[in-house]
Amino acid sequence: MKVRLIALDSVEHDRKLALNGHSVVLGRCPDADVRIDDRWVSRRHCELVEVDGMLVVRDLGSTHGTFVNGRQVSEARLRPDDKLTIGLTSFVASYRPLSRLVRAC
């Protein structure tokens, strides 16, 4: 699954991700898959993973929480155009969900 995280803040840049069955970790540490320079972001803040053709975000025990459309979540589906906020940094997720019929072929 190809995902584009569109930055809503001037400090961050848009990110293009290819999940390909793997999780992608967002955080402040140098070895995070998506490094975010924001002091309110934990070292390993959250992860994005594909589940049944949909994008899922999971909080990894962050100090300040992970938010989808303003609501704090521990795990949630991230639908296209949902707003993901970690620390003071916000992104909009842009992707095309995989239909179950296509995945079965």
N, C-alpha and C. Protein backbone atom coordinates (compact mmCIF):
# COMPACT_ATOMS: atom_id res chain seq x y z
N MET A 1 0.85 -1.18 0.00
CA MET A 1 0.00 0.00 0.00
C MET A 1 0.89 1.24 0.00
N LYS A 2 0.58 2.17 -0.88
CA LYS A 2 1.31 3.43 -0.93
C LYS A 2 0.50 4.49 -0.20
N VAL A 3 1.17 5.21 0.68
CA VAL A 3 0.53 6.23 1.51
C VAL A 3 1.31 7.53 1.38
N ARG A 4 0.59 8.62 1.30
CA ARG A 4 1.23 9.94 1.34
C ARG A 4 0.73 10.66 2.57
N LEU A 5 1.67 11.09 3.41
CA LEU A 5 1.33 11.92 4.57
C LEU A 5 1.56 13.37 4.16
N ILE A 6 0.50 14.13 4.07
CA ILE A 6 0.57 15.52 3.63
C ILE A 6 0.70 16.39 4.87
N ALA A 7 1.83 17.09 4.97
CA ALA A 7 2.11 17.91 6.14
C ALA A 7 1.19 19.13 6.17
N LEU A 8 0.61 19.38 7.35
CA LEU A 8 -0.23 20.56 7.52
C LEU A 8 0.55 21.68 8.20
N ASP A 9 1.80 21.40 8.56
CA ASP A 9 2.65 22.37 9.22
C ASP A 9 3.78 22.76 8.28
N SER A 10 4.19 24.00 8.31
CA SER A 10 5.24 24.46 7.41
C SER A 10 6.60 23.86 7.74
N VAL A 11 6.79 23.37 8.96
CA VAL A 11 8.08 22.83 9.38
C VAL A 11 8.34 21.46 8.77
N GLU A 12 7.33 20.63 8.68
CA GLU A 12 7.47 19.27 8.16
C GLU A 12 7.24 19.23 6.66
N HIS A 13 7.70 18.16 6.04
CA HIS A 13 7.53 17.94 4.61
C HIS A 13 6.56 16.80 4.39
N ASP A 14 5.95 16.76 3.22
CA ASP A 14 5.11 15.61 2.86
C ASP A 14 5.99 14.37 2.83
N ARG A 15 5.42 13.23 3.20
CA ARG A 15 6.16 11.97 3.22
C ARG A 15 5.42 10.95 2.37
N LYS A 16 6.15 10.24 1.54
CA LYS A 16 5.58 9.14 0.76
C LYS A 16 6.08 7.84 1.36
N LEU A 17 5.17 6.92 1.66
CA LEU A 17 5.51 5.67 2.32
C LEU A 17 4.98 4.50 1.51
N ALA A 18 5.73 3.43 1.51
CA ALA A 18 5.26 2.16 0.95
C ALA A 18 5.26 1.15 2.08
N LEU A 19 4.08 0.74 2.53
CA LEU A 19 4.01 -0.15 3.69
C LEU A 19 4.40 -1.58 3.33
N ASN A 20 3.88 -2.11 2.23
CA ASN A 20 4.25 -3.45 1.76
C ASN A 20 4.27 -4.50 2.87
N GLY A 21 3.24 -4.48 3.71
CA GLY A 21 3.12 -5.49 4.76
C GLY A 21 3.94 -5.20 6.00
N HIS A 22 4.68 -4.11 6.02
CA HIS A 22 5.49 -3.75 7.18
C HIS A 22 4.89 -2.54 7.88
N SER A 23 5.24 -2.38 9.15
CA SER A 23 4.80 -1.18 9.86
C SER A 23 5.83 -0.07 9.63
N VAL A 24 5.38 1.16 9.76
CA VAL A 24 6.24 2.33 9.63
C VAL A 24 6.14 3.10 10.94
N VAL A 25 7.29 3.32 11.60
CA VAL A 25 7.32 4.00 12.89
C VAL A 25 7.57 5.49 12.68
N LEU A 26 6.72 6.31 13.32
CA LEU A 26 6.90 7.76 13.33
C LEU A 26 7.41 8.15 14.70
N GLY A 27 8.42 9.00 14.75
CA GLY A 27 8.95 9.41 16.04
C GLY A 27 10.12 10.36 15.91
N ARG A 28 10.70 10.67 17.05
CA ARG A 28 11.78 11.65 17.13
C ARG A 28 13.17 11.00 17.05
N CYS A 29 13.28 9.70 17.30
CA CYS A 29 14.60 9.06 17.33
C CYS A 29 15.18 8.95 15.92
N PRO A 30 16.50 8.95 15.82
CA PRO A 30 17.15 8.90 14.50
C PRO A 30 16.79 7.67 13.67
N ASP A 31 16.46 6.55 14.30
CA ASP A 31 16.15 5.35 13.52
C ASP A 31 14.66 5.16 13.24
N ALA A 32 13.84 6.16 13.53
CA ALA A 32 12.41 6.09 13.16
C ALA A 32 12.30 6.11 11.64
N ASP A 33 11.34 5.38 11.11
CA ASP A 33 11.14 5.37 9.65
C ASP A 33 10.76 6.76 9.14
N VAL A 34 9.94 7.46 9.91
CA VAL A 34 9.58 8.85 9.62
C VAL A 34 9.99 9.67 10.83
N ARG A 35 11.10 10.40 10.69
CA ARG A 35 11.63 11.18 11.81
C ARG A 35 10.96 12.55 11.83
N ILE A 36 10.45 12.92 13.00
CA ILE A 36 9.75 14.19 13.17
C ILE A 36 10.46 14.99 14.25
N ASP A 37 10.95 16.16 13.88
CA ASP A 37 11.70 17.01 14.79
C ASP A 37 10.72 17.92 15.54
N ASP A 38 10.13 17.36 16.59
CA ASP A 38 9.12 18.05 17.40
C ASP A 38 9.30 17.55 18.82
N ARG A 39 9.60 18.43 19.75
CA ARG A 39 9.91 17.98 21.12
C ARG A 39 8.71 17.35 21.82
N TRP A 40 7.52 17.51 21.29
CA TRP A 40 6.32 16.90 21.87
C TRP A 40 6.05 15.50 21.29
N VAL A 41 6.90 15.08 20.37
CA VAL A 41 6.79 13.75 19.77
C VAL A 41 7.75 12.82 20.51
N SER A 42 7.25 11.65 20.91
CA SER A 42 8.09 10.66 21.59
C SER A 42 9.08 10.04 20.60
N ARG A 43 10.13 9.42 21.16
CA ARG A 43 11.16 8.81 20.31
C ARG A 43 10.55 7.80 19.34
N ARG A 44 9.70 6.93 19.81
CA ARG A 44 8.93 5.98 18.98
C ARG A 44 7.47 6.25 19.32
N HIS A 45 6.85 7.17 18.61
CA HIS A 45 5.55 7.71 18.99
C HIS A 45 4.39 6.81 18.57
N CYS A 46 4.33 6.48 17.29
CA CYS A 46 3.24 5.64 16.77
C CYS A 46 3.72 4.89 15.54
N GLU A 47 2.90 3.95 15.11
CA GLU A 47 3.22 3.22 13.89
C GLU A 47 2.01 3.18 12.98
N LEU A 48 2.29 3.09 11.69
CA LEU A 48 1.25 2.91 10.68
C LEU A 48 1.41 1.52 10.11
N VAL A 49 0.30 0.82 9.93
CA VAL A 49 0.33 -0.53 9.41
C VAL A 49 -0.92 -0.75 8.56
N GLU A 50 -0.81 -1.60 7.55
CA GLU A 50 -1.96 -1.95 6.72
C GLU A 50 -2.67 -3.15 7.34
N VAL A 51 -3.99 -3.03 7.54
CA VAL A 51 -4.80 -4.12 8.06
C VAL A 51 -6.04 -4.24 7.17
N ASP A 52 -6.20 -5.37 6.51
CA ASP A 52 -7.35 -5.61 5.63
C ASP A 52 -7.55 -4.49 4.61
N GLY A 53 -6.47 -4.00 4.04
CA GLY A 53 -6.56 -2.98 3.00
C GLY A 53 -6.77 -1.57 3.50
N MET A 54 -6.81 -1.39 4.81
CA MET A 54 -6.99 -0.06 5.41
C MET A 54 -5.73 0.31 6.19
N LEU A 55 -5.52 1.60 6.38
CA LEU A 55 -4.39 2.10 7.14
C LEU A 55 -4.79 2.21 8.60
N VAL A 56 -3.97 1.66 9.49
CA VAL A 56 -4.23 1.70 10.93
C VAL A 56 -3.06 2.40 11.61
N VAL A 57 -3.37 3.28 12.56
CA VAL A 57 -2.35 3.93 13.37
C VAL A 57 -2.44 3.35 14.78
N ARG A 58 -1.27 3.05 15.36
CA ARG A 58 -1.20 2.53 16.73
C ARG A 58 -0.24 3.39 17.53
N ASP A 59 -0.71 3.90 18.66
CA ASP A 59 0.15 4.64 19.57
C ASP A 59 1.11 3.64 20.22
N LEU A 60 2.37 4.01 20.36
CA LEU A 60 3.38 3.12 20.93
C LEU A 60 3.75 3.53 22.36
N GLY A 61 2.75 3.97 23.13
CA GLY A 61 3.00 4.39 24.50
C GLY A 61 3.60 5.78 24.59
N SER A 62 3.22 6.64 23.66
CA SER A 62 3.77 8.00 23.62
C SER A 62 3.36 8.79 24.87
N THR A 63 4.15 9.79 25.17
CA THR A 63 3.89 10.64 26.34
C THR A 63 2.69 11.56 26.12
N HIS A 64 2.58 12.13 24.93
CA HIS A 64 1.57 13.15 24.68
C HIS A 64 0.41 12.69 23.81
N GLY A 65 0.39 11.43 23.41
CA GLY A 65 -0.75 10.87 22.71
C GLY A 65 -0.73 11.01 21.20
N THR A 66 -1.56 10.20 20.58
CA THR A 66 -1.76 10.19 19.13
C THR A 66 -3.23 10.52 18.89
N PHE A 67 -3.48 11.42 17.94
CA PHE A 67 -4.83 11.93 17.72
C PHE A 67 -5.24 11.75 16.26
N VAL A 68 -6.47 11.30 16.05
CA VAL A 68 -7.06 11.21 14.72
C VAL A 68 -8.30 12.10 14.73
N ASN A 69 -8.28 13.11 13.88
CA ASN A 69 -9.38 14.08 13.81
C ASN A 69 -9.70 14.68 15.17
N GLY A 70 -8.65 14.96 15.95
CA GLY A 70 -8.81 15.62 17.24
C GLY A 70 -9.15 14.70 18.40
N ARG A 71 -9.31 13.41 18.15
CA ARG A 71 -9.67 12.45 19.20
C ARG A 71 -8.46 11.57 19.52
N GLN A 72 -8.11 11.50 20.82
CA GLN A 72 -6.97 10.68 21.21
C GLN A 72 -7.30 9.20 21.03
N VAL A 73 -6.36 8.46 20.44
CA VAL A 73 -6.59 7.04 20.15
C VAL A 73 -5.38 6.22 20.58
N SER A 74 -5.64 4.96 20.93
CA SER A 74 -4.53 4.02 21.13
C SER A 74 -4.32 3.23 19.85
N GLU A 75 -5.42 2.99 19.12
CA GLU A 75 -5.38 2.35 17.80
C GLU A 75 -6.63 2.78 17.06
N ALA A 76 -6.47 3.11 15.79
CA ALA A 76 -7.63 3.55 15.01
C ALA A 76 -7.36 3.39 13.52
N ARG A 77 -8.43 3.15 12.77
CA ARG A 77 -8.31 3.18 11.31
C ARG A 77 -8.10 4.62 10.91
N LEU A 78 -7.21 4.81 9.98
CA LEU A 78 -6.92 6.14 9.45
C LEU A 78 -7.46 6.15 8.02
N ARG A 79 -8.61 6.76 7.86
CA ARG A 79 -9.26 6.79 6.55
C ARG A 79 -8.64 7.90 5.69
N PRO A 80 -8.77 7.78 4.37
CA PRO A 80 -8.25 8.85 3.52
C PRO A 80 -8.80 10.20 3.96
N ASP A 81 -7.93 11.18 4.01
CA ASP A 81 -8.23 12.56 4.39
C ASP A 81 -8.44 12.76 5.89
N ASP A 82 -8.23 11.72 6.72
CA ASP A 82 -8.24 11.92 8.17
C ASP A 82 -7.00 12.70 8.58
N LYS A 83 -7.13 13.46 9.65
CA LYS A 83 -6.02 14.25 10.18
C LYS A 83 -5.34 13.48 11.31
N LEU A 84 -4.04 13.21 11.17
CA LEU A 84 -3.23 12.54 12.18
C LEU A 84 -2.36 13.58 12.85
N THR A 85 -2.46 13.68 14.18
CA THR A 85 -1.66 14.65 14.93
C THR A 85 -0.85 13.93 15.99
N ILE A 86 0.46 14.18 15.97
CA ILE A 86 1.34 13.70 17.03
C ILE A 86 2.19 14.89 17.45
N GLY A 87 2.22 15.14 18.75
CA GLY A 87 2.88 16.35 19.23
C GLY A 87 2.18 17.57 18.66
N LEU A 88 2.98 18.49 18.12
CA LEU A 88 2.42 19.68 17.48
C LEU A 88 2.39 19.54 15.97
N THR A 89 2.60 18.32 15.48
CA THR A 89 2.73 18.06 14.06
C THR A 89 1.49 17.33 13.54
N SER A 90 0.94 17.82 12.43
CA SER A 90 -0.26 17.20 11.85
C SER A 90 -0.03 16.85 10.38
N PHE A 91 -0.63 15.73 10.00
CA PHE A 91 -0.60 15.25 8.62
C PHE A 91 -2.02 14.86 8.22
N VAL A 92 -2.28 14.86 6.92
CA VAL A 92 -3.48 14.25 6.36
C VAL A 92 -3.00 13.04 5.58
N ALA A 93 -3.66 11.90 5.80
CA ALA A 93 -3.30 10.67 5.11
C ALA A 93 -4.01 10.62 3.76
N SER A 94 -3.25 10.35 2.72
CA SER A 94 -3.82 10.21 1.39
C SER A 94 -3.41 8.84 0.85
N TYR A 95 -4.40 8.00 0.60
CA TYR A 95 -4.14 6.67 0.04
C TYR A 95 -5.44 6.12 -0.52
N ARG A 96 -5.31 5.06 -1.29
CA ARG A 96 -6.48 4.39 -1.85
C ARG A 96 -6.63 3.05 -1.14
N PRO A 97 -7.71 2.88 -0.35
CA PRO A 97 -7.91 1.60 0.33
C PRO A 97 -7.99 0.46 -0.68
N LEU A 98 -7.44 -0.68 -0.31
CA LEU A 98 -7.50 -1.86 -1.17
C LEU A 98 -8.81 -2.57 -0.90
N SER A 99 -9.58 -2.84 -1.95
CA SER A 99 -10.84 -3.55 -1.74
C SER A 99 -10.55 -5.02 -1.50
N ARG A 100 -11.41 -5.68 -0.77
CA ARG A 100 -11.22 -7.10 -0.49
C ARG A 100 -11.29 -7.94 -1.76
N LEU A 101 -12.08 -7.51 -2.74
CA LEU A 101 -12.18 -8.26 -4.00
C LEU A 101 -10.85 -8.23 -4.74
N VAL A 102 -10.20 -7.08 -4.77
CA VAL A 102 -8.93 -6.97 -5.46
C VAL A 102 -7.87 -7.79 -4.75
N ARG A 103 -7.87 -7.77 -3.42
CA ARG A 103 -6.86 -8.51 -2.66
C ARG A 103 -7.03 -10.02 -2.83
N ALA A 104 -8.24 -10.50 -3.11
CA ALA A 104 -8.49 -11.93 -3.22
C ALA A 104 -7.98 -12.50 -4.54
N CYS A 105 -7.77 -11.68 -5.54
CA CYS A 105 -7.34 -12.16 -6.87
C CYS A 105 -5.89 -12.56 -6.89
